[in-house]
């Protein structure tokens, strides 16, 4: 009999349930033998990889025998110029998920608590559990963050607060005044992470939506996170970034693994930061697709949660049952944990959205 290594794991890890990503297309092909498949499950960019990025990646393939620039100098310089910050304020990560864990590992022990909202990004709870820290999950308000309740939940052992704006998976968002008021009330000893993975979508034509980077000088405990996985279409290369005051960034870099962002990710992200045409097309397609889906939901009398991301949560009754039926139609969506009536549907190209809506209407409802 082999040794029971499960017993060697920490109690916190023993209690963990692995993160469940959206079902891959190839897995659905294997399971059901379906070829014509649409994946609207993981909030990916439907445009595909930018032609400009393809050229840059191809030009750097010969460098893959070398380690990447461990400090990401070129990408940090471009980000610093774009956002008018110092390069010392930027921390690069293997996707923003790594940065979330990095921040928690830097500031949180088993003696501390982490605050996050009900129905927020599942990784917040997963990180808290993995560290053996105390969960302070605050009940949601209208499917989104109740910042007043979150402020009241802060206690002497609180070290970290996660806020997703817009929130994933619900798409809800917090306006400038509400978020700024909250930040003013948080003790400086508590790190506030504002996760803006969907910033590029949310900030277009939404003057009340906050650009949290503007507040870094006012709130030294603020960390703002963004990613190249969504609007910039680089989910498969995994590159995100956090911007904070240098004293926080220096601490994160003490914990960060060397060469945590690969060479192609660094090159592609730097390329995409200057590809304004691709970004504009991404945003435009998302706006049109969101209108396409929500108009259909209204016609079908399906309640949905208004969203500023590249996805929308829709009430379909028994979400797991509908999800399984959609799979057999070749459409991959995402049931939401703890929201049993809701599917999260990513915005696709017009034909992909049509395929989903046809399956939903003709085969499900």
Foldseek 3Di string as FASTA:
>chain_A
DDDDCLVVADPLVNPDDDDDAFDDLVVLCVPQVDDDFFEFAHQFQQPAADPLLVVLLVVCPVVQVDFADQLLVLLLVLVCVVLVHDSLQKDKALACLRVLLLLCVLWHALQAEEEEEPQADVSNVNSCSNRNHHYDYHYADLSADPLVRRLVSDDPRYAEYEHEALGPPAQDHDFDVVVVVSLVSHDLNHAYEYEDQQVLLQVPPPVRHDPCSVCQVVRQSYKYKYGCRHLVRPVVQGMIMIGHPSVSSVSSVVRDDGSRHGNSRSSSSSSSSPPVVSSVVSNVQLVVQVCVVVVLCVVVVWDWRDHSGQKTKIFQAQVVVLQVQVSSLNYTWAQRPPPRRIIIGGRHGPVSSVSSSCCCPVPND
